Amino acid sequence: MIGKNLANPSIDNNVNKSFNASVQKSQVCIFLSYTSEDRNTVKKIGEYIQDAGFDIYLDIYDESLQRAVSQGDPIAITKNIEKGLSVSTNVFCIVSEKTVGSWWVPYEIGFGKRADKPLATLTLKDTITIPSYLEITRIIRGTRSLNDYLNELSKKSNLLFESASTFIGKNPYSMSQHPLDNYLSWKE
């Protein structure tokens, strides 16, 4: 079972309808928080998470949000970010050295914290420091700990457990070429 991006209108024009169907299936939806400079890397990580069977909310496919960004409308941007966060069960920050300059990532983490959503941070390859506000999240460093995290999430969702376990089993830590090698280290 491959997960879907709830921000993608080609999946379903009504995000809340898709989310409600996911909730009824005990599905996890992971909001991907990131700085725009890391967009291409985040797309690859999002695809990997979807391949493991999880739904994601990756805002680059949210037409309403992209329109608000192009119009420079901070009220609409905020409304759309909050919509994405509210339909997600978990907040997952993908962080690089560039994240320090982001204005929206701290907002997304704060909104998720206030809504009591589980928070996690994945550090990209060669990331040495992370902003202090991310220290309140679960820190994930590397592919191995990402797989462990996804496996833990799958155990909380009955329908996902078999799918994610099978996917992660096919992507062992010792693979000579992992799809995220260019973005993550093998640490932890």
N, C-alpha and C. Protein backbone atom coordinates (compact mmCIF):
# COMPACT_ATOMS: atom_id res chain seq x y z
N MET A 1 0.85 -1.18 0.00
CA MET A 1 0.00 0.00 0.00
C MET A 1 0.89 1.24 0.00
N ILE A 2 0.75 2.08 -0.98
CA ILE A 2 1.52 3.32 -1.06
C ILE A 2 0.67 4.45 -0.50
N GLY A 3 1.30 5.29 0.32
CA GLY A 3 0.60 6.43 0.90
C GLY A 3 0.36 7.50 -0.15
N LYS A 4 -0.44 8.48 0.23
CA LYS A 4 -0.73 9.58 -0.70
C LYS A 4 -0.37 10.91 -0.06
N ASN A 5 -0.23 11.92 -0.90
CA ASN A 5 0.03 13.27 -0.41
C ASN A 5 -1.32 13.98 -0.35
N LEU A 6 -1.79 14.26 0.85
CA LEU A 6 -3.11 14.87 1.01
C LEU A 6 -3.18 16.30 0.50
N ALA A 7 -2.02 16.90 0.19
CA ALA A 7 -2.02 18.25 -0.38
C ALA A 7 -2.14 18.22 -1.90
N ASN A 8 -2.09 17.04 -2.50
CA ASN A 8 -2.11 16.91 -3.95
C ASN A 8 -3.55 16.84 -4.45
N PRO A 9 -3.98 17.85 -5.21
CA PRO A 9 -5.37 17.86 -5.68
C PRO A 9 -5.70 16.73 -6.65
N SER A 10 -4.70 16.13 -7.27
CA SER A 10 -5.00 15.02 -8.17
C SER A 10 -5.41 13.78 -7.38
N ILE A 11 -5.08 13.75 -6.10
CA ILE A 11 -5.51 12.64 -5.25
C ILE A 11 -6.98 12.81 -4.91
N ASP A 12 -7.34 14.01 -4.47
CA ASP A 12 -8.70 14.30 -4.04
C ASP A 12 -8.81 15.81 -3.90
N ASN A 13 -9.83 16.41 -4.45
CA ASN A 13 -9.97 17.86 -4.36
C ASN A 13 -10.33 18.34 -2.97
N ASN A 14 -10.75 17.46 -2.11
CA ASN A 14 -11.14 17.86 -0.77
C ASN A 14 -10.23 17.20 0.25
N VAL A 15 -9.27 17.96 0.77
CA VAL A 15 -8.29 17.44 1.71
C VAL A 15 -8.97 16.84 2.93
N ASN A 16 -9.95 17.52 3.48
CA ASN A 16 -10.60 17.01 4.68
C ASN A 16 -11.31 15.69 4.42
N LYS A 17 -11.90 15.53 3.24
CA LYS A 17 -12.54 14.27 2.89
C LYS A 17 -11.51 13.14 2.85
N SER A 18 -10.35 13.40 2.22
CA SER A 18 -9.28 12.40 2.17
C SER A 18 -8.80 12.08 3.57
N PHE A 19 -8.62 13.11 4.37
CA PHE A 19 -8.12 12.90 5.72
C PHE A 19 -9.11 12.10 6.55
N ASN A 20 -10.39 12.45 6.47
CA ASN A 20 -11.39 11.72 7.24
C ASN A 20 -11.40 10.25 6.87
N ALA A 21 -11.24 9.95 5.59
CA ALA A 21 -11.17 8.56 5.17
C ALA A 21 -9.94 7.89 5.76
N SER A 22 -8.81 8.62 5.82
CA SER A 22 -7.59 8.07 6.39
C SER A 22 -7.75 7.82 7.88
N VAL A 23 -8.39 8.74 8.58
CA VAL A 23 -8.58 8.59 10.02
C VAL A 23 -9.41 7.35 10.30
N GLN A 24 -10.44 7.12 9.48
CA GLN A 24 -11.28 5.95 9.69
C GLN A 24 -10.48 4.67 9.52
N LYS A 25 -9.40 4.71 8.73
CA LYS A 25 -8.55 3.55 8.54
C LYS A 25 -7.40 3.53 9.55
N SER A 26 -7.42 4.41 10.53
CA SER A 26 -6.32 4.54 11.49
C SER A 26 -5.02 4.89 10.79
N GLN A 27 -5.10 5.69 9.78
CA GLN A 27 -3.95 6.06 8.97
C GLN A 27 -3.18 7.21 9.60
N VAL A 28 -1.88 7.16 9.48
CA VAL A 28 -1.01 8.25 9.92
C VAL A 28 -0.82 9.19 8.74
N CYS A 29 -0.86 10.49 9.00
CA CYS A 29 -0.53 11.49 7.98
C CYS A 29 0.56 12.38 8.56
N ILE A 30 1.68 12.45 7.86
CA ILE A 30 2.86 13.17 8.35
C ILE A 30 2.99 14.49 7.59
N PHE A 31 2.90 15.60 8.33
CA PHE A 31 3.11 16.94 7.77
C PHE A 31 4.61 17.13 7.65
N LEU A 32 5.10 17.44 6.45
CA LEU A 32 6.53 17.66 6.24
C LEU A 32 6.82 19.16 6.31
N SER A 33 7.56 19.54 7.33
CA SER A 33 7.96 20.93 7.54
C SER A 33 9.41 21.08 7.09
N TYR A 34 9.71 22.12 6.32
CA TYR A 34 11.04 22.27 5.73
C TYR A 34 11.22 23.71 5.24
N THR A 35 12.43 24.06 4.93
CA THR A 35 12.68 25.36 4.31
C THR A 35 12.67 25.18 2.79
N SER A 36 12.19 26.17 2.08
CA SER A 36 11.99 26.03 0.63
C SER A 36 13.28 25.69 -0.13
N GLU A 37 14.44 26.05 0.40
CA GLU A 37 15.70 25.71 -0.27
C GLU A 37 15.94 24.21 -0.32
N ASP A 38 15.28 23.46 0.54
CA ASP A 38 15.44 22.00 0.58
C ASP A 38 14.31 21.26 -0.13
N ARG A 39 13.52 21.96 -0.91
CA ARG A 39 12.32 21.41 -1.55
C ARG A 39 12.59 20.09 -2.29
N ASN A 40 13.62 20.03 -3.14
CA ASN A 40 13.85 18.83 -3.94
C ASN A 40 14.23 17.63 -3.08
N THR A 41 15.01 17.87 -2.05
CA THR A 41 15.37 16.79 -1.12
C THR A 41 14.14 16.31 -0.38
N VAL A 42 13.31 17.23 0.07
CA VAL A 42 12.11 16.88 0.82
C VAL A 42 11.15 16.08 -0.06
N LYS A 43 11.08 16.40 -1.34
CA LYS A 43 10.24 15.60 -2.26
C LYS A 43 10.69 14.14 -2.25
N LYS A 44 11.99 13.91 -2.31
CA LYS A 44 12.52 12.53 -2.33
C LYS A 44 12.21 11.82 -1.02
N ILE A 45 12.39 12.52 0.10
CA ILE A 45 12.10 11.92 1.40
C ILE A 45 10.60 11.65 1.53
N GLY A 46 9.78 12.58 1.04
CA GLY A 46 8.33 12.38 1.06
C GLY A 46 7.92 11.16 0.25
N GLU A 47 8.53 10.98 -0.91
CA GLU A 47 8.24 9.80 -1.75
C GLU A 47 8.61 8.52 -1.01
N TYR A 48 9.74 8.55 -0.32
CA TYR A 48 10.18 7.38 0.45
C TYR A 48 9.16 7.06 1.55
N ILE A 49 8.71 8.08 2.25
CA ILE A 49 7.72 7.88 3.33
C ILE A 49 6.41 7.34 2.75
N GLN A 50 6.00 7.86 1.59
CA GLN A 50 4.79 7.35 0.94
C GLN A 50 4.98 5.90 0.50
N ASP A 51 6.16 5.58 -0.04
CA ASP A 51 6.44 4.21 -0.46
C ASP A 51 6.35 3.24 0.72
N ALA A 52 6.61 3.75 1.93
CA ALA A 52 6.50 2.92 3.14
C ALA A 52 5.04 2.76 3.56
N GLY A 53 4.12 3.45 2.87
CA GLY A 53 2.69 3.29 3.15
C GLY A 53 2.04 4.42 3.92
N PHE A 54 2.79 5.47 4.23
CA PHE A 54 2.25 6.57 5.02
C PHE A 54 1.72 7.69 4.13
N ASP A 55 0.62 8.30 4.56
CA ASP A 55 0.17 9.53 3.90
C ASP A 55 1.05 10.67 4.40
N ILE A 56 1.26 11.64 3.54
CA ILE A 56 2.01 12.83 3.91
C ILE A 56 1.21 14.07 3.53
N TYR A 57 1.63 15.18 4.06
CA TYR A 57 1.12 16.47 3.62
C TYR A 57 2.35 17.29 3.24
N LEU A 58 2.64 17.34 1.95
CA LEU A 58 3.76 18.10 1.41
C LEU A 58 3.18 19.26 0.63
N ASP A 59 3.37 20.46 1.16
CA ASP A 59 2.67 21.65 0.68
C ASP A 59 2.97 22.09 -0.74
N ILE A 60 4.01 21.56 -1.38
CA ILE A 60 4.32 22.01 -2.74
C ILE A 60 3.20 21.67 -3.72
N TYR A 61 2.33 20.74 -3.35
CA TYR A 61 1.20 20.37 -4.20
C TYR A 61 -0.10 21.03 -3.77
N ASP A 62 -0.04 21.87 -2.76
CA ASP A 62 -1.23 22.57 -2.27
C ASP A 62 -1.41 23.83 -3.11
N GLU A 63 -2.30 23.75 -4.11
CA GLU A 63 -2.48 24.87 -5.05
C GLU A 63 -2.90 26.16 -4.36
N SER A 64 -3.74 26.04 -3.37
CA SER A 64 -4.20 27.21 -2.64
C SER A 64 -3.05 27.90 -1.90
N LEU A 65 -2.21 27.10 -1.28
CA LEU A 65 -1.04 27.66 -0.58
C LEU A 65 -0.07 28.28 -1.58
N GLN A 66 0.20 27.61 -2.67
CA GLN A 66 1.14 28.14 -3.66
C GLN A 66 0.62 29.45 -4.27
N ARG A 67 -0.68 29.55 -4.45
CA ARG A 67 -1.28 30.79 -4.95
C ARG A 67 -1.09 31.91 -3.91
N ALA A 68 -1.30 31.59 -2.64
CA ALA A 68 -1.13 32.58 -1.57
C ALA A 68 0.32 33.05 -1.49
N VAL A 69 1.26 32.13 -1.66
CA VAL A 69 2.68 32.48 -1.65
C VAL A 69 3.01 33.40 -2.82
N SER A 70 2.52 33.06 -4.00
CA SER A 70 2.82 33.88 -5.19
C SER A 70 2.19 35.27 -5.09
N GLN A 71 1.08 35.37 -4.36
CA GLN A 71 0.42 36.67 -4.18
C GLN A 71 0.97 37.43 -2.98
N GLY A 72 1.84 36.79 -2.21
CA GLY A 72 2.39 37.42 -1.03
C GLY A 72 1.34 37.71 0.03
N ASP A 73 0.40 36.79 0.21
CA ASP A 73 -0.72 36.97 1.14
C ASP A 73 -0.46 36.18 2.43
N PRO A 74 0.11 36.82 3.46
CA PRO A 74 0.46 36.09 4.67
C PRO A 74 -0.73 35.50 5.42
N ILE A 75 -1.88 36.12 5.33
CA ILE A 75 -3.08 35.58 5.99
C ILE A 75 -3.48 34.26 5.33
N ALA A 76 -3.52 34.24 4.00
CA ALA A 76 -3.87 33.01 3.29
C ALA A 76 -2.79 31.94 3.45
N ILE A 77 -1.52 32.36 3.47
CA ILE A 77 -0.43 31.39 3.69
C ILE A 77 -0.63 30.71 5.04
N THR A 78 -0.85 31.50 6.07
CA THR A 78 -1.03 30.98 7.42
C THR A 78 -2.23 30.05 7.48
N LYS A 79 -3.33 30.46 6.88
CA LYS A 79 -4.56 29.64 6.88
C LYS A 79 -4.30 28.29 6.21
N ASN A 80 -3.59 28.29 5.11
CA ASN A 80 -3.32 27.04 4.39
C ASN A 80 -2.35 26.15 5.14
N ILE A 81 -1.33 26.73 5.77
CA ILE A 81 -0.40 25.94 6.57
C ILE A 81 -1.16 25.29 7.72
N GLU A 82 -2.00 26.07 8.39
CA GLU A 82 -2.77 25.53 9.51
C GLU A 82 -3.73 24.43 9.06
N LYS A 83 -4.30 24.56 7.87
CA LYS A 83 -5.17 23.51 7.33
C LYS A 83 -4.37 22.22 7.16
N GLY A 84 -3.19 22.33 6.57
CA GLY A 84 -2.34 21.15 6.39
C GLY A 84 -1.94 20.52 7.70
N LEU A 85 -1.60 21.35 8.67
CA LEU A 85 -1.22 20.83 9.99
C LEU A 85 -2.41 20.18 10.69
N SER A 86 -3.58 20.77 10.54
CA SER A 86 -4.75 20.23 11.24
C SER A 86 -5.19 18.89 10.68
N VAL A 87 -4.94 18.61 9.41
CA VAL A 87 -5.33 17.32 8.85
C VAL A 87 -4.24 16.26 9.01
N SER A 88 -3.14 16.63 9.62
CA SER A 88 -2.02 15.71 9.82
C SER A 88 -2.01 15.18 11.26
N THR A 89 -1.51 13.98 11.42
CA THR A 89 -1.42 13.40 12.76
C THR A 89 -0.06 13.63 13.40
N ASN A 90 0.97 13.84 12.58
CA ASN A 90 2.33 14.02 13.05
C ASN A 90 2.98 15.18 12.29
N VAL A 91 3.94 15.83 12.94
CA VAL A 91 4.72 16.90 12.29
C VAL A 91 6.17 16.42 12.23
N PHE A 92 6.73 16.47 11.03
CA PHE A 92 8.06 15.95 10.77
C PHE A 92 8.87 17.05 10.10
N CYS A 93 9.82 17.60 10.84
CA CYS A 93 10.66 18.68 10.30
C CYS A 93 11.89 18.07 9.66
N ILE A 94 12.16 18.46 8.43
CA ILE A 94 13.36 18.02 7.73
C ILE A 94 14.30 19.22 7.74
N VAL A 95 15.43 19.06 8.42
CA VAL A 95 16.27 20.21 8.73
C VAL A 95 17.66 20.10 8.11
N SER A 96 18.12 21.26 7.64
CA SER A 96 19.49 21.41 7.14
C SER A 96 20.04 22.68 7.79
N GLU A 97 21.24 23.01 7.45
CA GLU A 97 21.82 24.26 7.97
C GLU A 97 21.00 25.48 7.52
N LYS A 98 20.27 25.35 6.42
CA LYS A 98 19.47 26.47 5.88
C LYS A 98 18.20 26.72 6.70
N THR A 99 17.79 25.75 7.50
CA THR A 99 16.54 25.86 8.26
C THR A 99 16.58 27.02 9.25
N VAL A 100 17.77 27.38 9.72
CA VAL A 100 17.92 28.47 10.69
C VAL A 100 17.28 29.76 10.18
N GLY A 101 17.32 29.99 8.88
CA GLY A 101 16.77 31.21 8.30
C GLY A 101 15.29 31.16 7.98
N SER A 102 14.63 30.05 8.24
CA SER A 102 13.21 29.91 7.90
C SER A 102 12.32 30.65 8.88
N TRP A 103 11.32 31.30 8.35
CA TRP A 103 10.31 31.96 9.19
C TRP A 103 9.14 31.03 9.45
N TRP A 104 8.87 30.11 8.52
CA TRP A 104 7.68 29.28 8.63
C TRP A 104 7.89 28.00 9.42
N VAL A 105 9.08 27.42 9.38
CA VAL A 105 9.32 26.17 10.11
C VAL A 105 9.05 26.34 11.61
N PRO A 106 9.55 27.40 12.28
CA PRO A 106 9.24 27.53 13.71
C PRO A 106 7.74 27.67 13.96
N TYR A 107 7.05 28.34 13.05
CA TYR A 107 5.59 28.49 13.19
C TYR A 107 4.91 27.12 13.12
N GLU A 108 5.32 26.31 12.13
CA GLU A 108 4.72 24.98 11.96
C GLU A 108 5.00 24.08 13.16
N ILE A 109 6.21 24.13 13.68
CA ILE A 109 6.55 23.32 14.85
C ILE A 109 5.74 23.80 16.06
N GLY A 110 5.65 25.11 16.25
CA GLY A 110 4.87 25.66 17.36
C GLY A 110 3.40 25.30 17.27
N PHE A 111 2.84 25.38 16.06
CA PHE A 111 1.43 25.01 15.86
C PHE A 111 1.22 23.53 16.18
N GLY A 112 2.14 22.69 15.70
CA GLY A 112 2.04 21.26 15.98
C GLY A 112 2.18 20.96 17.46
N LYS A 113 3.08 21.66 18.12
CA LYS A 113 3.27 21.46 19.57
C LYS A 113 2.01 21.86 20.32
N ARG A 114 1.45 23.00 19.95
CA ARG A 114 0.24 23.49 20.61
C ARG A 114 -0.94 22.53 20.41
N ALA A 115 -0.96 21.86 19.26
CA ALA A 115 -2.03 20.91 18.95
C ALA A 115 -1.72 19.50 19.48
N ASP A 116 -0.65 19.36 20.26
CA ASP A 116 -0.24 18.07 20.84
C ASP A 116 0.01 16.99 19.81
N LYS A 117 0.55 17.39 18.67
CA LYS A 117 0.91 16.40 17.64
C LYS A 117 2.32 15.91 17.92
N PRO A 118 2.59 14.63 17.70
CA PRO A 118 3.96 14.14 17.86
C PRO A 118 4.88 14.88 16.89
N LEU A 119 6.02 15.34 17.41
CA LEU A 119 6.98 16.12 16.63
C LEU A 119 8.28 15.34 16.48
N ALA A 120 8.83 15.35 15.27
CA ALA A 120 10.12 14.71 15.01
C ALA A 120 10.91 15.58 14.05
N THR A 121 12.23 15.48 14.12
CA THR A 121 13.12 16.23 13.25
C THR A 121 14.11 15.27 12.61
N LEU A 122 14.19 15.32 11.29
CA LEU A 122 15.16 14.53 10.54
C LEU A 122 16.25 15.47 10.05
N THR A 123 17.50 15.17 10.42
CA THR A 123 18.60 16.02 9.97
C THR A 123 19.14 15.49 8.64
N LEU A 124 19.32 16.40 7.70
CA LEU A 124 19.88 16.02 6.41
C LEU A 124 21.38 15.80 6.56
N LYS A 125 21.96 15.14 5.57
CA LYS A 125 23.39 14.85 5.55
C LYS A 125 24.19 16.14 5.76
N ASP A 126 25.23 16.05 6.54
CA ASP A 126 26.14 17.17 6.83
C ASP A 126 25.53 18.28 7.66
N THR A 127 24.37 18.05 8.27
CA THR A 127 23.79 19.04 9.18
C THR A 127 24.48 18.88 10.53
N ILE A 128 25.09 19.96 10.99
CA ILE A 128 25.84 19.91 12.24
C ILE A 128 25.00 20.44 13.40
N THR A 129 24.38 21.58 13.19
CA THR A 129 23.59 22.18 14.26
C THR A 129 22.13 22.27 13.84
N ILE A 130 21.27 22.24 14.84
CA ILE A 130 19.86 22.45 14.57
C ILE A 130 19.38 23.61 15.44
N PRO A 131 18.36 24.33 14.99
CA PRO A 131 17.82 25.42 15.81
C PRO A 131 17.35 24.88 17.16
N SER A 132 17.53 25.66 18.20
CA SER A 132 17.21 25.19 19.55
C SER A 132 15.73 24.84 19.72
N TYR A 133 14.83 25.49 18.99
CA TYR A 133 13.41 25.17 19.13
C TYR A 133 13.10 23.76 18.66
N LEU A 134 13.98 23.15 17.88
CA LEU A 134 13.76 21.77 17.42
C LEU A 134 14.24 20.74 18.45
N GLU A 135 14.93 21.19 19.48
CA GLU A 135 15.40 20.27 20.51
C GLU A 135 14.25 19.67 21.31
N ILE A 136 13.05 20.23 21.19
CA ILE A 136 11.88 19.67 21.88
C ILE A 136 11.28 18.50 21.09
N THR A 137 11.80 18.24 19.91
CA THR A 137 11.28 17.17 19.06
C THR A 137 12.15 15.93 19.18
N ARG A 138 11.65 14.83 18.66
CA ARG A 138 12.47 13.63 18.57
C ARG A 138 13.45 13.84 17.42
N ILE A 139 14.73 13.70 17.68
CA ILE A 139 15.75 13.93 16.65
C ILE A 139 16.08 12.61 15.96
N ILE A 140 16.02 12.63 14.64
CA ILE A 140 16.31 11.46 13.81
C ILE A 140 17.49 11.82 12.92
N ARG A 141 18.54 11.04 13.01
CA ARG A 141 19.75 11.31 12.23
C ARG A 141 20.06 10.09 11.36
N GLY A 142 19.74 10.18 10.10
CA GLY A 142 20.11 9.12 9.18
C GLY A 142 19.00 8.16 8.81
N THR A 143 19.31 7.36 7.81
CA THR A 143 18.34 6.43 7.23
C THR A 143 17.92 5.35 8.21
N ARG A 144 18.87 4.84 8.95
CA ARG A 144 18.54 3.77 9.89
C ARG A 144 17.51 4.25 10.92
N SER A 145 17.74 5.42 11.52
CA SER A 145 16.79 5.89 12.53
C SER A 145 15.48 6.36 11.89
N LEU A 146 15.51 6.78 10.62
CA LEU A 146 14.27 7.10 9.91
C LEU A 146 13.43 5.83 9.76
N ASN A 147 14.07 4.74 9.35
CA ASN A 147 13.35 3.47 9.22
C ASN A 147 12.79 3.01 10.56
N ASP A 148 13.57 3.18 11.62
CA ASP A 148 13.09 2.81 12.96
C ASP A 148 11.86 3.64 13.33
N TYR A 149 11.93 4.93 13.05
CA TYR A 149 10.81 5.84 13.35
C TYR A 149 9.55 5.43 12.58
N LEU A 150 9.71 5.17 11.28
CA LEU A 150 8.56 4.76 10.47
C LEU A 150 7.99 3.43 10.95
N ASN A 151 8.87 2.53 11.36
CA ASN A 151 8.42 1.25 11.89
C ASN A 151 7.60 1.45 13.17
N GLU A 152 8.06 2.35 14.05
CA GLU A 152 7.30 2.65 15.27
C GLU A 152 5.93 3.24 14.94
N LEU A 153 5.89 4.16 13.98
CA LEU A 153 4.61 4.75 13.59
C LEU A 153 3.67 3.69 13.02
N SER A 154 4.22 2.77 12.26
CA SER A 154 3.37 1.74 11.64
C SER A 154 2.74 0.84 12.69
N LYS A 155 3.43 0.62 13.79
CA LYS A 155 2.88 -0.23 14.85
C LYS A 155 1.67 0.42 15.52
N LYS A 156 1.58 1.75 15.43
CA LYS A 156 0.45 2.47 16.00
C LYS A 156 -0.76 2.45 15.08
N SER A 157 -0.54 2.05 13.84
CA SER A 157 -1.61 2.00 12.85
C SER A 157 -1.73 0.56 12.36
N ASN A 158 -2.78 -0.11 12.77
CA ASN A 158 -2.93 -1.53 12.46
C ASN A 158 -2.81 -1.85 10.98
N LEU A 159 -3.43 -1.07 10.12
CA LEU A 159 -3.39 -1.36 8.69
C LEU A 159 -2.02 -1.11 8.08
N LEU A 160 -1.25 -0.20 8.67
CA LEU A 160 0.05 0.12 8.11
C LEU A 160 1.14 -0.85 8.52
N PHE A 161 0.98 -1.51 9.63
CA PHE A 161 2.08 -2.28 10.19
C PHE A 161 2.67 -3.26 9.19
N GLU A 162 1.83 -4.07 8.57
CA GLU A 162 2.34 -5.07 7.63
C GLU A 162 2.98 -4.41 6.42
N SER A 163 2.35 -3.38 5.87
CA SER A 163 2.87 -2.69 4.70
C SER A 163 4.22 -2.04 4.98
N ALA A 164 4.31 -1.28 6.06
CA ALA A 164 5.55 -0.58 6.38
C ALA A 164 6.65 -1.57 6.75
N SER A 165 6.31 -2.60 7.50
CA SER A 165 7.32 -3.59 7.89
C SER A 165 7.89 -4.29 6.65
N THR A 166 7.04 -4.61 5.70
CA THR A 166 7.49 -5.23 4.46
C THR A 166 8.39 -4.28 3.69
N PHE A 167 7.98 -3.01 3.57
CA PHE A 167 8.78 -2.02 2.85
C PHE A 167 10.13 -1.82 3.51
N ILE A 168 10.13 -1.63 4.81
CA ILE A 168 11.39 -1.39 5.54
C ILE A 168 12.26 -2.63 5.48
N GLY A 169 11.65 -3.81 5.52
CA GLY A 169 12.41 -5.05 5.39
C GLY A 169 13.11 -5.17 4.04
N LYS A 170 12.49 -4.60 3.01
CA LYS A 170 13.09 -4.62 1.67
C LYS A 170 14.14 -3.54 1.52
N ASN A 171 14.25 -2.66 2.49
CA ASN A 171 15.21 -1.57 2.45
C ASN A 171 16.14 -1.66 3.66
N PRO A 172 16.90 -2.76 3.76
CA PRO A 172 17.74 -2.96 4.94
C PRO A 172 18.84 -1.91 5.02
N TYR A 173 19.36 -1.78 6.23
CA TYR A 173 20.39 -0.78 6.49
C TYR A 173 21.67 -1.04 5.72
N SER A 174 21.90 -2.27 5.33
CA SER A 174 23.17 -2.61 4.69
C SER A 174 23.12 -2.57 3.16
N MET A 175 22.02 -2.05 2.60
CA MET A 175 21.93 -1.99 1.14
C MET A 175 23.10 -1.19 0.58
N SER A 176 23.63 -1.62 -0.55
CA SER A 176 24.76 -0.90 -1.13
C SER A 176 24.33 0.46 -1.68
N GLN A 177 23.11 0.58 -2.16
CA GLN A 177 22.61 1.86 -2.67
C GLN A 177 21.20 2.08 -2.16
N HIS A 178 21.04 2.96 -1.21
CA HIS A 178 19.73 3.29 -0.65
C HIS A 178 19.19 4.52 -1.35
N PRO A 179 17.88 4.63 -1.58
CA PRO A 179 17.33 5.78 -2.31
C PRO A 179 17.58 7.13 -1.63
N LEU A 180 17.92 7.13 -0.36
CA LEU A 180 18.15 8.41 0.34
C LEU A 180 19.62 8.67 0.62
N ASP A 181 20.53 7.88 0.03
CA ASP A 181 21.97 8.05 0.27
C ASP A 181 22.47 9.47 -0.01
N ASN A 182 21.91 10.13 -1.00
CA ASN A 182 22.37 11.47 -1.34
C ASN A 182 21.92 12.52 -0.32
N TYR A 183 20.97 12.18 0.53
CA TYR A 183 20.36 13.16 1.42
C TYR A 183 20.59 12.89 2.90
N LEU A 184 20.74 11.60 3.25
CA LEU A 184 20.88 11.22 4.66
C LEU A 184 22.13 10.38 4.87
N SER A 185 22.65 10.42 6.08
CA SER A 185 23.76 9.53 6.44
C SER A 185 23.17 8.23 6.97
N TRP A 186 24.02 7.26 7.28
CA TRP A 186 23.57 5.98 7.82
C TRP A 186 23.54 5.99 9.33
N LYS A 187 23.88 7.10 9.94
CA LYS A 187 24.00 7.20 11.40
C LYS A 187 22.80 6.62 12.11
N GLU A 188 23.07 6.25 13.35
CA GLU A 188 22.06 5.85 14.32
C GLU A 188 20.97 5.05 13.68
